[in-house]
Amino acid sequence: SGPPPPPPAPPPAISSPLPEHVSSMELRHAGLSCWVIMIVLLVVGSFARVFAKVKDPKVRFSAISKLLSPLLVGIAPFLLPVSYLRDNTRYVSVAAGLLFSSITKKMIVFSMAKMTYASIQLDVLPFLGLCLWARLDPNLTEQGAFFLLEVTCVLHAVRLVFWARRAIRDICDRLGIWCFRIKPKVDAAANGGDKVKGQ
């Protein structure tokens, strides 16, 4: 049957003003690049906002350090060789997306609980290490990197599910509530005994 046909080229009205390396990109690669660029711009904008609004140097450094992990996740895909991004777009985007989801959830929960949020999230290190390994080690084949990306995605997904489960359980225990049901109210004063209201 032969190799699949190449994707159709964009209309000349769109591709002519663009550089050749941009106009020749597939839609999935362009989408991933735009998404990562957007994340980096958001992180850089957050840095600028912290510098503009926070005057105390210690507080400013503490606030900026919290943005280091998202910035590393945004930069890491650009460390991969172009062929890896072209052939493994799905796994790169899934791994980065799971990391951003985990970081965002931790920031929200830790902020609500007034807990200390670590500047360097250890969950970021496997993905960052894999991107650096693929860039610096010529002995790592593309098939090997592909397999490691799959494993990384599975590990991030399992880690996120277990962390969310533990966080939900701890919050429910702390507040004395149930996650998906309303706890019945007990009125001990009614009729001289316990009375359950509103299942």
N, C-alpha and C. Protein backbone atom coordinates (compact mmCIF):
# COMPACT_ATOMS: atom_id res chain seq x y z
N SER A 1 0.82 -1.21 0.00
CA SER A 1 0.00 0.00 0.00
C SER A 1 0.85 1.26 0.00
N GLY A 2 2.08 1.17 0.54
CA GLY A 2 2.97 2.32 0.51
C GLY A 2 2.73 3.28 1.66
N PRO A 3 3.58 4.27 1.79
CA PRO A 3 3.43 5.23 2.89
C PRO A 3 2.20 6.10 2.69
N PRO A 4 1.65 6.66 3.78
CA PRO A 4 0.47 7.52 3.64
C PRO A 4 0.84 8.80 2.90
N PRO A 5 -0.13 9.39 2.21
CA PRO A 5 0.15 10.62 1.47
C PRO A 5 0.47 11.76 2.42
N PRO A 6 1.28 12.70 1.99
CA PRO A 6 1.60 13.84 2.86
C PRO A 6 0.37 14.69 3.10
N PRO A 7 0.31 15.39 4.23
CA PRO A 7 -0.85 16.24 4.52
C PRO A 7 -0.94 17.37 3.51
N PRO A 8 -2.17 17.82 3.20
CA PRO A 8 -2.32 18.90 2.22
C PRO A 8 -1.67 20.19 2.71
N ALA A 9 -1.11 20.92 1.77
CA ALA A 9 -0.47 22.19 2.11
C ALA A 9 -1.54 23.24 2.38
N PRO A 10 -1.25 24.21 3.25
CA PRO A 10 -2.21 25.27 3.50
C PRO A 10 -2.38 26.14 2.27
N PRO A 11 -3.51 26.85 2.17
CA PRO A 11 -3.73 27.73 1.02
C PRO A 11 -2.62 28.76 0.90
N PRO A 12 -2.27 29.17 -0.34
CA PRO A 12 -1.20 30.16 -0.51
C PRO A 12 -1.45 31.47 0.22
N ALA A 13 -2.73 31.84 0.36
CA ALA A 13 -3.03 33.10 1.05
C ALA A 13 -2.59 33.06 2.50
N ILE A 14 -2.54 31.85 3.07
CA ILE A 14 -2.12 31.71 4.47
C ILE A 14 -0.63 31.44 4.56
N SER A 15 -0.12 30.58 3.68
CA SER A 15 1.26 30.14 3.81
C SER A 15 2.27 31.13 3.25
N SER A 16 1.88 31.96 2.31
CA SER A 16 2.86 32.84 1.67
C SER A 16 3.51 33.84 2.62
N PRO A 17 2.78 34.44 3.59
CA PRO A 17 3.47 35.39 4.49
C PRO A 17 4.32 34.72 5.55
N LEU A 18 4.20 33.40 5.71
CA LEU A 18 4.88 32.70 6.80
C LEU A 18 6.22 32.17 6.35
N PRO A 19 7.17 32.04 7.29
CA PRO A 19 8.45 31.39 6.96
C PRO A 19 8.22 29.95 6.52
N GLU A 20 9.15 29.42 5.76
CA GLU A 20 8.97 28.08 5.19
C GLU A 20 8.84 27.01 6.26
N HIS A 21 9.64 27.12 7.35
CA HIS A 21 9.59 26.08 8.38
C HIS A 21 8.28 26.13 9.16
N VAL A 22 7.56 27.26 9.10
CA VAL A 22 6.26 27.36 9.76
C VAL A 22 5.15 26.89 8.83
N SER A 23 5.19 27.32 7.58
CA SER A 23 4.13 26.95 6.64
C SER A 23 4.15 25.46 6.31
N SER A 24 5.29 24.80 6.49
CA SER A 24 5.37 23.36 6.19
C SER A 24 5.00 22.48 7.37
N MET A 25 4.67 23.07 8.53
CA MET A 25 4.32 22.30 9.71
C MET A 25 2.95 21.67 9.57
N GLU A 26 2.78 20.48 10.15
CA GLU A 26 1.47 19.88 10.26
C GLU A 26 0.67 20.60 11.34
N LEU A 27 -0.66 20.44 11.26
CA LEU A 27 -1.53 21.15 12.19
C LEU A 27 -1.24 20.75 13.64
N ARG A 28 -1.00 19.47 13.89
CA ARG A 28 -0.76 19.01 15.27
C ARG A 28 0.52 19.62 15.82
N HIS A 29 1.55 19.75 14.97
CA HIS A 29 2.80 20.35 15.43
C HIS A 29 2.63 21.84 15.68
N ALA A 30 1.89 22.50 14.79
CA ALA A 30 1.63 23.93 14.99
C ALA A 30 0.81 24.15 16.27
N GLY A 31 -0.17 23.27 16.51
CA GLY A 31 -0.97 23.40 17.73
C GLY A 31 -0.15 23.21 18.99
N LEU A 32 0.73 22.19 18.99
CA LEU A 32 1.58 21.96 20.15
C LEU A 32 2.52 23.13 20.38
N SER A 33 3.10 23.65 19.30
CA SER A 33 4.03 24.78 19.42
C SER A 33 3.32 26.01 19.97
N CYS A 34 2.12 26.29 19.44
CA CYS A 34 1.36 27.45 19.93
C CYS A 34 0.98 27.28 21.40
N TRP A 35 0.61 26.04 21.78
CA TRP A 35 0.22 25.80 23.17
C TRP A 35 1.40 26.01 24.12
N VAL A 36 2.56 25.48 23.75
CA VAL A 36 3.74 25.63 24.61
C VAL A 36 4.17 27.09 24.67
N ILE A 37 4.13 27.79 23.53
CA ILE A 37 4.48 29.21 23.53
C ILE A 37 3.52 30.00 24.42
N MET A 38 2.23 29.65 24.38
CA MET A 38 1.26 30.33 25.24
C MET A 38 1.58 30.11 26.71
N ILE A 39 1.95 28.88 27.09
CA ILE A 39 2.29 28.60 28.48
C ILE A 39 3.51 29.41 28.90
N VAL A 40 4.53 29.45 28.05
CA VAL A 40 5.74 30.21 28.38
C VAL A 40 5.41 31.69 28.53
N LEU A 41 4.56 32.22 27.65
CA LEU A 41 4.17 33.63 27.75
C LEU A 41 3.41 33.90 29.05
N LEU A 42 2.55 32.96 29.44
CA LEU A 42 1.82 33.13 30.70
C LEU A 42 2.77 33.14 31.89
N VAL A 43 3.76 32.25 31.86
CA VAL A 43 4.72 32.21 32.97
C VAL A 43 5.55 33.49 33.00
N VAL A 44 6.02 33.93 31.82
CA VAL A 44 6.80 35.17 31.76
C VAL A 44 5.95 36.35 32.21
N GLY A 45 4.68 36.38 31.80
CA GLY A 45 3.79 37.43 32.27
C GLY A 45 3.59 37.41 33.77
N SER A 46 3.55 36.21 34.34
CA SER A 46 3.44 36.09 35.80
C SER A 46 4.69 36.63 36.49
N PHE A 47 5.87 36.34 35.90
CA PHE A 47 7.11 36.91 36.43
C PHE A 47 7.03 38.44 36.43
N ALA A 48 6.59 39.01 35.31
CA ALA A 48 6.52 40.47 35.20
C ALA A 48 5.53 41.05 36.21
N ARG A 49 4.42 40.36 36.42
CA ARG A 49 3.42 40.85 37.38
C ARG A 49 3.98 40.83 38.80
N VAL A 50 4.70 39.76 39.14
CA VAL A 50 5.30 39.69 40.47
C VAL A 50 6.28 40.82 40.69
N PHE A 51 7.13 41.08 39.69
CA PHE A 51 8.10 42.17 39.82
C PHE A 51 7.42 43.52 39.94
N ALA A 52 6.27 43.68 39.27
CA ALA A 52 5.58 44.97 39.29
C ALA A 52 4.80 45.19 40.58
N LYS A 53 4.24 44.12 41.16
CA LYS A 53 3.33 44.28 42.29
C LYS A 53 3.99 44.04 43.64
N VAL A 54 5.00 43.17 43.70
CA VAL A 54 5.61 42.80 44.98
C VAL A 54 6.91 43.58 45.15
N LYS A 55 7.02 44.31 46.26
CA LYS A 55 8.19 45.16 46.49
C LYS A 55 9.20 44.53 47.44
N ASP A 56 8.72 43.72 48.40
CA ASP A 56 9.62 43.09 49.36
C ASP A 56 10.48 42.04 48.63
N PRO A 57 11.81 42.15 48.67
CA PRO A 57 12.66 41.20 47.92
C PRO A 57 12.46 39.75 48.33
N LYS A 58 12.28 39.48 49.62
CA LYS A 58 12.10 38.09 50.06
C LYS A 58 10.79 37.51 49.55
N VAL A 59 9.72 38.30 49.67
CA VAL A 59 8.42 37.84 49.18
C VAL A 59 8.45 37.69 47.66
N ARG A 60 9.13 38.61 46.99
CA ARG A 60 9.23 38.55 45.53
C ARG A 60 9.97 37.28 45.09
N PHE A 61 11.07 36.97 45.76
CA PHE A 61 11.83 35.77 45.41
C PHE A 61 11.00 34.52 45.66
N SER A 62 10.27 34.50 46.77
CA SER A 62 9.43 33.34 47.08
C SER A 62 8.35 33.15 46.03
N ALA A 63 7.73 34.26 45.61
CA ALA A 63 6.66 34.17 44.61
C ALA A 63 7.21 33.73 43.26
N ILE A 64 8.36 34.26 42.88
CA ILE A 64 8.95 33.92 41.58
C ILE A 64 9.39 32.46 41.56
N SER A 65 9.91 31.98 42.68
CA SER A 65 10.39 30.60 42.71
C SER A 65 9.26 29.59 42.47
N LYS A 66 8.02 29.97 42.80
CA LYS A 66 6.89 29.06 42.57
C LYS A 66 6.60 28.87 41.09
N LEU A 67 7.09 29.78 40.25
CA LEU A 67 6.84 29.69 38.81
C LEU A 67 7.91 28.90 38.07
N LEU A 68 8.92 28.43 38.80
CA LEU A 68 10.04 27.76 38.14
C LEU A 68 9.62 26.43 37.52
N SER A 69 8.83 25.64 38.24
CA SER A 69 8.42 24.34 37.71
C SER A 69 7.56 24.46 36.45
N PRO A 70 6.52 25.34 36.43
CA PRO A 70 5.78 25.51 35.17
C PRO A 70 6.66 25.98 34.02
N LEU A 71 7.62 26.84 34.30
CA LEU A 71 8.51 27.33 33.25
C LEU A 71 9.35 26.19 32.68
N LEU A 72 9.85 25.31 33.55
CA LEU A 72 10.65 24.17 33.09
C LEU A 72 9.83 23.23 32.22
N VAL A 73 8.57 23.01 32.60
CA VAL A 73 7.71 22.14 31.79
C VAL A 73 7.44 22.77 30.42
N GLY A 74 7.30 24.10 30.38
CA GLY A 74 7.07 24.77 29.11
C GLY A 74 8.28 24.76 28.20
N ILE A 75 9.47 24.80 28.78
CA ILE A 75 10.70 24.83 27.99
C ILE A 75 11.13 23.43 27.56
N ALA A 76 10.85 22.42 28.38
CA ALA A 76 11.37 21.07 28.15
C ALA A 76 11.09 20.52 26.75
N PRO A 77 9.87 20.64 26.19
CA PRO A 77 9.65 20.07 24.85
C PRO A 77 10.56 20.65 23.78
N PHE A 78 11.00 21.89 23.93
CA PHE A 78 11.87 22.50 22.94
C PHE A 78 13.29 21.93 23.00
N LEU A 79 13.61 21.17 24.05
CA LEU A 79 14.91 20.52 24.13
C LEU A 79 14.97 19.26 23.27
N LEU A 80 13.82 18.72 22.92
CA LEU A 80 13.78 17.49 22.13
C LEU A 80 14.17 17.76 20.69
N PRO A 81 14.82 16.79 20.04
CA PRO A 81 15.10 16.93 18.60
C PRO A 81 13.80 17.08 17.81
N VAL A 82 13.89 17.73 16.67
CA VAL A 82 12.70 18.00 15.86
C VAL A 82 12.01 16.70 15.44
N SER A 83 12.80 15.68 15.12
CA SER A 83 12.20 14.41 14.69
C SER A 83 11.39 13.77 15.81
N TYR A 84 11.82 13.93 17.05
CA TYR A 84 11.07 13.38 18.17
C TYR A 84 9.73 14.08 18.30
N LEU A 85 9.74 15.40 18.18
CA LEU A 85 8.49 16.15 18.27
C LEU A 85 7.55 15.79 17.13
N ARG A 86 8.11 15.57 15.96
CA ARG A 86 7.29 15.25 14.80
C ARG A 86 6.63 13.89 14.94
N ASP A 87 7.37 12.91 15.46
CA ASP A 87 6.86 11.54 15.51
C ASP A 87 6.14 11.22 16.82
N ASN A 88 6.37 11.99 17.87
CA ASN A 88 5.80 11.67 19.18
C ASN A 88 5.03 12.86 19.76
N THR A 89 4.36 13.60 18.88
CA THR A 89 3.65 14.80 19.33
C THR A 89 2.64 14.48 20.42
N ARG A 90 1.91 13.39 20.24
CA ARG A 90 0.85 13.06 21.19
C ARG A 90 1.41 12.83 22.59
N TYR A 91 2.48 12.06 22.69
CA TYR A 91 3.00 11.73 24.01
C TYR A 91 3.68 12.92 24.67
N VAL A 92 4.32 13.76 23.87
CA VAL A 92 4.92 14.97 24.44
C VAL A 92 3.84 15.88 25.01
N SER A 93 2.76 16.09 24.25
CA SER A 93 1.69 16.97 24.72
C SER A 93 0.95 16.37 25.91
N VAL A 94 0.74 15.04 25.91
CA VAL A 94 0.06 14.41 27.05
C VAL A 94 0.90 14.50 28.31
N ALA A 95 2.20 14.23 28.20
CA ALA A 95 3.08 14.30 29.37
C ALA A 95 3.13 15.72 29.93
N ALA A 96 3.29 16.72 29.05
CA ALA A 96 3.32 18.10 29.52
C ALA A 96 1.98 18.52 30.10
N GLY A 97 0.88 18.09 29.47
CA GLY A 97 -0.44 18.43 29.98
C GLY A 97 -0.71 17.84 31.35
N LEU A 98 -0.31 16.59 31.57
CA LEU A 98 -0.49 15.97 32.89
C LEU A 98 0.32 16.70 33.95
N LEU A 99 1.53 17.13 33.58
CA LEU A 99 2.36 17.86 34.54
C LEU A 99 1.74 19.20 34.89
N PHE A 100 1.26 19.93 33.89
CA PHE A 100 0.62 21.21 34.17
C PHE A 100 -0.63 21.02 35.02
N SER A 101 -1.39 19.97 34.74
CA SER A 101 -2.58 19.69 35.54
C SER A 101 -2.21 19.41 36.99
N SER A 102 -1.17 18.61 37.20
CA SER A 102 -0.73 18.30 38.56
C SER A 102 -0.24 19.54 39.30
N ILE A 103 0.57 20.36 38.62
CA ILE A 103 1.10 21.57 39.25
C ILE A 103 -0.03 22.52 39.61
N THR A 104 -0.99 22.69 38.70
CA THR A 104 -2.11 23.61 38.95
C THR A 104 -2.93 23.15 40.13
N LYS A 105 -3.25 21.87 40.19
CA LYS A 105 -4.04 21.35 41.31
C LYS A 105 -3.31 21.53 42.63
N LYS A 106 -2.02 21.27 42.65
CA LYS A 106 -1.26 21.44 43.89
C LYS A 106 -1.23 22.90 44.32
N MET A 107 -1.04 23.81 43.36
CA MET A 107 -1.04 25.24 43.71
C MET A 107 -2.36 25.66 44.34
N ILE A 108 -3.47 25.20 43.75
CA ILE A 108 -4.79 25.58 44.26
C ILE A 108 -5.01 25.00 45.66
N VAL A 109 -4.75 23.70 45.82
CA VAL A 109 -5.00 23.05 47.11
C VAL A 109 -4.09 23.61 48.19
N PHE A 110 -2.81 23.77 47.90
CA PHE A 110 -1.87 24.26 48.90
C PHE A 110 -2.19 25.71 49.26
N SER A 111 -2.64 26.51 48.29
CA SER A 111 -3.00 27.90 48.59
C SER A 111 -4.23 27.96 49.48
N MET A 112 -5.23 27.14 49.20
CA MET A 112 -6.44 27.12 50.03
C MET A 112 -6.14 26.64 51.44
N ALA A 113 -5.23 25.68 51.57
CA ALA A 113 -4.89 25.13 52.88
C ALA A 113 -3.80 25.91 53.59
N LYS A 114 -3.30 26.99 52.93
CA LYS A 114 -2.22 27.80 53.50
C LYS A 114 -1.00 26.93 53.84
N MET A 115 -0.67 26.03 52.94
CA MET A 115 0.48 25.14 53.11
C MET A 115 1.63 25.61 52.23
N THR A 116 2.84 25.20 52.59
CA THR A 116 4.03 25.58 51.83
C THR A 116 4.08 24.79 50.53
N TYR A 117 4.26 25.52 49.43
CA TYR A 117 4.34 24.91 48.10
C TYR A 117 5.79 24.90 47.66
N ALA A 118 6.32 23.71 47.36
CA ALA A 118 7.73 23.59 46.99
C ALA A 118 7.99 24.25 45.64
N SER A 119 9.09 24.99 45.56
CA SER A 119 9.43 25.68 44.32
C SER A 119 9.74 24.70 43.20
N ILE A 120 10.47 23.64 43.51
CA ILE A 120 10.79 22.60 42.53
C ILE A 120 9.91 21.39 42.81
N GLN A 121 8.99 21.12 41.90
CA GLN A 121 8.14 19.94 42.03
C GLN A 121 8.87 18.73 41.44
N LEU A 122 9.03 17.70 42.25
CA LEU A 122 9.79 16.53 41.81
C LEU A 122 9.15 15.83 40.62
N ASP A 123 7.83 16.01 40.43
CA ASP A 123 7.17 15.38 39.29
C ASP A 123 7.71 15.88 37.96
N VAL A 124 8.29 17.08 37.96
CA VAL A 124 8.80 17.67 36.72
C VAL A 124 10.10 17.00 36.27
N LEU A 125 10.87 16.48 37.21
CA LEU A 125 12.22 16.02 36.90
C LEU A 125 12.29 14.86 35.90
N PRO A 126 11.41 13.83 35.97
CA PRO A 126 11.52 12.76 34.96
C PRO A 126 11.33 13.26 33.53
N PHE A 127 10.34 14.11 33.31
CA PHE A 127 10.09 14.63 31.96
C PHE A 127 11.24 15.52 31.50
N LEU A 128 11.70 16.39 32.38
CA LEU A 128 12.83 17.26 32.04
C LEU A 128 14.09 16.44 31.77
N GLY A 129 14.34 15.43 32.61
CA GLY A 129 15.50 14.58 32.41
C GLY A 129 15.44 13.81 31.10
N LEU A 130 14.25 13.34 30.73
CA LEU A 130 14.10 12.62 29.46
C LEU A 130 14.38 13.54 28.27
N CYS A 131 13.88 14.77 28.33
CA CYS A 131 14.12 15.72 27.23
C CYS A 131 15.61 16.04 27.10
N LEU A 132 16.28 16.23 28.23
CA LEU A 132 17.72 16.48 28.19
C LEU A 132 18.48 15.27 27.68
N TRP A 133 18.07 14.09 28.11
CA TRP A 133 18.73 12.86 27.67
C TRP A 133 18.61 12.69 26.16
N ALA A 134 17.40 12.93 25.63
CA ALA A 134 17.20 12.78 24.19
C ALA A 134 18.02 13.79 23.39
N ARG A 135 18.24 14.95 23.97
CA ARG A 135 19.01 15.98 23.26
C ARG A 135 20.51 15.74 23.32
N LEU A 136 21.01 15.24 24.45
CA LEU A 136 22.45 15.17 24.68
C LEU A 136 23.07 13.82 24.37
N ASP A 137 22.28 12.75 24.38
CA ASP A 137 22.84 11.41 24.19
C ASP A 137 22.52 10.89 22.79
N PRO A 138 23.50 10.84 21.89
CA PRO A 138 23.23 10.33 20.54
C PRO A 138 22.96 8.83 20.51
N ASN A 139 23.29 8.12 21.59
CA ASN A 139 23.06 6.67 21.62
C ASN A 139 21.60 6.31 21.91
N LEU A 140 20.82 7.27 22.38
CA LEU A 140 19.40 7.01 22.65
C LEU A 140 18.64 7.05 21.32
N THR A 141 18.09 5.91 20.94
CA THR A 141 17.36 5.84 19.68
C THR A 141 15.98 6.48 19.82
N GLU A 142 15.38 6.78 18.68
CA GLU A 142 14.05 7.37 18.71
C GLU A 142 13.02 6.39 19.26
N GLN A 143 13.21 5.09 18.97
CA GLN A 143 12.30 4.08 19.52
C GLN A 143 12.43 4.02 21.04
N GLY A 144 13.66 4.12 21.54
CA GLY A 144 13.85 4.13 22.99
C GLY A 144 13.22 5.34 23.63
N ALA A 145 13.38 6.50 23.02
CA ALA A 145 12.77 7.71 23.56
C ALA A 145 11.25 7.62 23.50
N PHE A 146 10.72 7.02 22.43
CA PHE A 146 9.28 6.83 22.30
C PHE A 146 8.75 5.97 23.44
N PHE A 147 9.45 4.87 23.74
CA PHE A 147 9.03 3.99 24.84
C PHE A 147 9.09 4.73 26.18
N LEU A 148 10.16 5.50 26.39
CA LEU A 148 10.30 6.24 27.65
C LEU A 148 9.22 7.31 27.78
N LEU A 149 8.83 7.92 26.67
CA LEU A 149 7.74 8.89 26.72
C LEU A 149 6.43 8.22 27.13
N GLU A 150 6.18 7.02 26.60
CA GLU A 150 4.98 6.28 27.00
C GLU A 150 4.99 5.99 28.50
N VAL A 151 6.13 5.51 28.99
CA VAL A 151 6.25 5.21 30.42
C VAL A 151 6.07 6.48 31.25
N THR A 152 6.63 7.59 30.79
CA THR A 152 6.50 8.85 31.51
C THR A 152 5.04 9.28 31.60
N CYS A 153 4.30 9.14 30.51
CA CYS A 153 2.88 9.50 30.52
C CYS A 153 2.10 8.65 31.52
N VAL A 154 2.37 7.34 31.53
CA VAL A 154 1.68 6.45 32.46
C VAL A 154 2.02 6.82 33.90
N LEU A 155 3.30 7.06 34.18
CA LEU A 155 3.71 7.42 35.54
C LEU A 155 3.06 8.72 35.99
N HIS A 156 3.02 9.73 35.12
CA HIS A 156 2.40 11.00 35.49
C HIS A 156 0.90 10.82 35.74
N ALA A 157 0.23 10.00 34.92
CA ALA A 157 -1.20 9.78 35.10
C ALA A 157 -1.48 9.07 36.43
N VAL A 158 -0.71 8.02 36.72
CA VAL A 158 -0.90 7.28 37.97
C VAL A 158 -0.60 8.18 39.16
N ARG A 159 0.48 8.93 39.08
CA ARG A 159 0.85 9.84 40.16
C ARG A 159 -0.24 10.88 40.41
N LEU A 160 -0.81 11.43 39.34
CA LEU A 160 -1.86 12.44 39.49
C LEU A 160 -3.11 11.85 40.12
N VAL A 161 -3.50 10.64 39.70
CA VAL A 161 -4.69 10.00 40.26
C VAL A 161 -4.51 9.71 41.74
N PHE A 162 -3.37 9.16 42.12
CA PHE A 162 -3.14 8.83 43.53
C PHE A 162 -3.04 10.09 44.39
N TRP A 163 -2.40 11.14 43.85
CA TRP A 163 -2.31 12.39 44.63
C TRP A 163 -3.69 12.99 44.82
N ALA A 164 -4.50 13.02 43.76
CA ALA A 164 -5.85 13.58 43.87
C ALA A 164 -6.70 12.77 44.85
N ARG A 165 -6.57 11.45 44.80
CA ARG A 165 -7.33 10.60 45.73
C ARG A 165 -6.94 10.88 47.17
N ARG A 166 -5.65 10.99 47.42
CA ARG A 166 -5.21 11.25 48.78
C ARG A 166 -5.62 12.64 49.25
N ALA A 167 -5.53 13.63 48.35
CA ALA A 167 -5.92 14.99 48.71
C ALA A 167 -7.41 15.06 49.03
N ILE A 168 -8.24 14.39 48.22
CA ILE A 168 -9.69 14.39 48.47
C ILE A 168 -9.99 13.72 49.80
N ARG A 169 -9.35 12.61 50.08
CA ARG A 169 -9.58 11.91 51.35
C ARG A 169 -9.18 12.76 52.54
N ASP A 170 -8.01 13.43 52.45
CA ASP A 170 -7.55 14.27 53.56
C ASP A 170 -8.49 15.45 53.78
N ILE A 171 -8.95 16.07 52.70
CA ILE A 171 -9.86 17.21 52.83
C ILE A 171 -11.19 16.77 53.44
N CYS A 172 -11.72 15.64 52.98
CA CYS A 172 -12.98 15.14 53.52
C CYS A 172 -12.85 14.79 55.00
N ASP A 173 -11.75 14.15 55.38
CA ASP A 173 -11.55 13.81 56.79
C ASP A 173 -11.40 15.06 57.64
N ARG A 174 -10.70 16.05 57.12
CA ARG A 174 -10.47 17.28 57.88
C ARG A 174 -11.76 18.05 58.10
N LEU A 175 -12.61 18.12 57.07
CA LEU A 175 -13.85 18.89 57.16
C LEU A 175 -15.04 18.06 57.62
N GLY A 176 -14.85 16.75 57.74
CA GLY A 176 -15.95 15.89 58.16
C GLY A 176 -17.06 15.80 57.13
N ILE A 177 -16.69 15.72 55.86
CA ILE A 177 -17.68 15.67 54.79
C ILE A 177 -17.42 14.45 53.91
N TRP A 178 -18.38 14.18 53.03
CA TRP A 178 -18.21 13.17 52.01
C TRP A 178 -18.00 13.85 50.67
N CYS A 179 -17.33 13.18 49.78
CA CYS A 179 -16.96 13.82 48.51
C CYS A 179 -18.14 13.92 47.55
N PHE A 180 -18.89 12.84 47.36
CA PHE A 180 -19.94 12.82 46.35
C PHE A 180 -21.34 12.70 46.95
N ARG A 181 -21.46 12.76 48.26
CA ARG A 181 -22.77 12.71 48.90
C ARG A 181 -22.84 13.74 50.01
N ILE A 182 -24.06 14.13 50.34
CA ILE A 182 -24.28 15.05 51.46
C ILE A 182 -24.44 14.21 52.72
N LYS A 183 -23.63 14.51 53.71
CA LYS A 183 -23.68 13.75 54.96
C LYS A 183 -24.99 14.05 55.69
N PRO A 184 -25.68 13.03 56.18
CA PRO A 184 -26.95 13.28 56.88
C PRO A 184 -26.72 14.05 58.17
N LYS A 185 -27.65 14.97 58.43
CA LYS A 185 -27.57 15.75 59.67
C LYS A 185 -28.27 14.99 60.79
N VAL A 186 -27.70 15.05 61.98
CA VAL A 186 -28.25 14.36 63.14
C VAL A 186 -28.75 15.39 64.12
N ASP A 187 -30.04 15.34 64.43
CA ASP A 187 -30.65 16.27 65.39
C ASP A 187 -30.93 15.49 66.67
N ALA A 188 -30.03 15.63 67.64
CA ALA A 188 -30.14 14.85 68.89
C ALA A 188 -31.21 15.39 69.80
N ALA A 189 -31.61 16.64 69.62
CA ALA A 189 -32.58 17.25 70.54
C ALA A 189 -34.01 16.88 70.18
N ALA A 190 -34.25 16.46 68.96
CA ALA A 190 -35.62 16.20 68.53
C ALA A 190 -36.12 14.88 69.12
N ASN A 191 -37.29 14.93 69.74
CA ASN A 191 -37.96 13.74 70.29
C ASN A 191 -37.10 12.98 71.29
N GLY A 192 -36.18 13.66 71.93
CA GLY A 192 -35.38 13.03 72.96
C GLY A 192 -34.40 12.01 72.44
N GLY A 193 -34.13 11.98 71.14
CA GLY A 193 -33.18 11.01 70.59
C GLY A 193 -32.61 11.51 69.29
N ASP A 194 -31.87 10.64 68.63
CA ASP A 194 -31.25 11.02 67.36
C ASP A 194 -32.28 10.91 66.24
N LYS A 195 -32.23 11.90 65.34
CA LYS A 195 -33.13 11.90 64.19
C LYS A 195 -32.33 12.29 62.96
N VAL A 196 -32.41 11.47 61.95
CA VAL A 196 -31.64 11.72 60.74
C VAL A 196 -32.48 12.56 59.79
N LYS A 197 -31.85 13.63 59.26
CA LYS A 197 -32.53 14.51 58.32
C LYS A 197 -31.78 14.50 57.00
N GLY A 198 -32.58 14.59 55.93
CA GLY A 198 -32.04 14.87 54.59
C GLY A 198 -30.97 13.91 54.13
N GLN A 199 -31.36 12.67 53.79
CA GLN A 199 -30.39 11.73 53.24
C GLN A 199 -29.84 12.30 51.95
